[in-house]
Protein backbone atom coordinates (compact mmCIF):
# COMPACT_ATOMS: atom_id res chain seq x y z
CA MET A 1 -22.02 -60.89 -47.56
CA LYS A 2 -23.68 -57.44 -47.88
CA ILE A 3 -22.51 -54.47 -46.04
CA SER A 4 -25.84 -53.82 -44.86
CA THR A 5 -25.73 -57.06 -42.85
CA VAL A 6 -22.60 -56.53 -41.42
CA ILE A 7 -23.44 -53.30 -40.20
CA ILE A 8 -26.66 -54.43 -38.84
CA GLY A 9 -24.88 -57.54 -37.13
CA ILE A 10 -22.12 -54.89 -35.23
CA ALA A 11 -25.00 -52.79 -34.25
CA LEU A 12 -27.12 -55.65 -32.68
CA PHE A 13 -23.80 -57.02 -31.17
CA ALA A 14 -23.14 -53.65 -29.59
CA ILE A 15 -26.71 -53.32 -28.17
CA VAL A 16 -26.45 -56.98 -26.61
CA THR A 17 -23.26 -55.67 -25.10
CA MET A 18 -24.50 -52.67 -23.61
CA ILE A 19 -27.46 -54.31 -22.10
CA LEU A 20 -25.15 -56.92 -20.78
CA TYR A 21 -22.86 -54.13 -19.09
CA GLY A 22 -25.65 -52.19 -17.47
CA TRP A 23 -27.09 -55.30 -16.20
CA GLY A 24 -23.79 -56.04 -14.62
CA ILE A 25 -23.40 -52.71 -13.12
CA VAL A 26 -26.77 -52.47 -11.55
CA LYS A 27 -26.46 -56.35 -10.24
CA GLN A 28 -22.99 -54.89 -8.24
CA LYS A 29 -24.41 -51.79 -7.17
CA ASN A 30 -27.21 -53.79 -5.14
CA GLN A 31 -25.25 -56.74 -4.40
CA THR A 32 -24.90 -55.75 -0.51
CA SER A 33 -28.15 -55.30 0.08
CA ASP A 34 -28.77 -58.60 -1.61
CA LEU A 35 -26.24 -60.01 0.25
CA MET A 36 -27.61 -58.74 3.49
CA ASN A 37 -31.15 -59.66 3.05
CA LEU A 38 -30.20 -63.47 1.99
CA LEU A 39 -28.30 -63.33 5.21
CA PHE A 40 -31.16 -62.58 7.07
CA SER A 41 -33.27 -64.83 5.03
CA LYS A 42 -30.80 -67.66 6.16
CA GLY A 43 -30.93 -66.77 9.97
CA GLN A 44 -34.80 -66.54 10.03
CA ASP A 45 -35.20 -69.81 8.40
CA LYS A 46 -32.51 -71.44 10.97
CA ILE A 47 -34.59 -69.72 14.20
CA LYS A 48 -37.80 -70.71 12.85
CA LYS A 49 -36.62 -74.50 12.49
CA TYR A 50 -35.14 -74.27 16.04
CA LEU A 51 -38.35 -72.84 17.19
CA LYS A 52 -40.45 -75.56 15.95
CA GLN A 53 -39.32 -77.33 19.12
CA GLN A 54 -38.97 -74.78 21.94
CA TYR A 55 -38.49 -71.18 22.92
CA VAL A 56 -35.23 -69.25 22.29
CA THR A 57 -33.46 -66.69 23.89
CA ILE A 58 -31.02 -63.90 22.44
CA SER A 59 -28.10 -66.05 23.29
CA GLN A 60 -29.52 -69.09 21.87
CA VAL A 61 -30.05 -67.05 18.52
CA GLU A 62 -26.30 -65.94 18.84
CA GLN A 63 -25.22 -69.31 19.14
CA ILE A 64 -27.73 -70.88 16.19
CA CYS A 65 -26.33 -67.67 13.93
CA GLU A 66 -22.89 -67.72 14.56
CA GLY A 67 -20.83 -68.05 11.26
CA LEU A 68 -23.76 -68.14 9.22
CA GLU A 69 -22.88 -67.03 5.59
CA ALA A 70 -24.74 -65.97 2.45
CA LYS A 71 -23.38 -66.12 -1.02
CA GLN A 72 -25.01 -65.08 -4.26
CA PRO A 73 -24.79 -67.52 -7.35
CA PHE A 74 -22.18 -66.81 -9.95
CA SER A 75 -20.11 -64.36 -7.11
CA ARG A 76 -17.29 -64.55 -5.45
CA ASN A 77 -18.30 -61.74 -2.58
CA LYS A 78 -20.29 -63.35 0.38
CA ALA A 79 -21.83 -61.90 3.40
CA VAL A 80 -20.68 -63.48 6.77
CA VAL A 81 -22.16 -62.90 10.32
CA LYS A 82 -18.79 -61.44 12.23
CA ASP A 83 -20.56 -59.83 15.36
CA LYS A 84 -23.14 -62.48 16.11
CA ARG A 85 -24.64 -60.18 19.11
CA ASP A 86 -25.41 -57.41 17.14
CA TYR A 87 -26.82 -59.66 14.23
CA ALA A 88 -28.92 -61.51 16.65
CA LYS A 89 -30.44 -58.62 18.02
CA LYS A 90 -31.27 -57.31 14.63
CA LEU A 91 -32.63 -60.40 13.33
CA VAL A 92 -35.00 -60.85 16.48
CA GLU A 93 -36.14 -57.10 16.18
CA TYR A 94 -37.05 -57.85 12.78
CA MET A 95 -38.92 -61.14 13.32
CA LEU A 96 -40.71 -59.25 16.41
CA LYS A 97 -41.60 -56.38 13.98
CA THR A 98 -42.93 -58.61 11.22
CA ASN A 99 -44.83 -60.30 13.93
CA GLN A 100 -42.88 -63.88 13.36
CA LEU A 101 -42.04 -63.92 16.68
CA GLU A 102 -43.89 -63.35 20.20
CA GLN A 103 -41.91 -62.06 23.34
CA GLU A 104 -42.70 -63.69 26.75
CA GLY A 105 -40.12 -61.96 29.03
CA SER A 106 -36.60 -62.75 27.88
CA ARG A 107 -37.63 -65.76 25.77
CA TYR A 108 -39.08 -65.65 22.10
CA LYS A 109 -41.69 -68.02 20.83
CA MET A 110 -43.14 -68.53 17.28
CA HIS A 111 -45.98 -66.08 16.28
CA LYS A 112 -49.80 -67.45 16.91
CA LYS A 113 -51.17 -67.12 13.51
């Protein structure tokens, strides 16, 4: 085996290792926001499924989203709804802001497109 082949192999190994390490650092840095986005997405899906049948109130949103959790693949970390009242309030505000819900008094329904 030539010495140049060994040096090129070591250099390529070092480059691949640097890329994988950098990717891991970036992924870990963004993990919190990714988990929160995933948690809100799961909450939206549950509310939309519930709203196909009827109206929903804040207290019902709290009950629907109680114990909701989100986890990324290949990660031990997860996001869990601990304060269901605060989560429900933020979720409904977000869904109103993005025109997914319409408010009728203290009740909410799906936005008509």
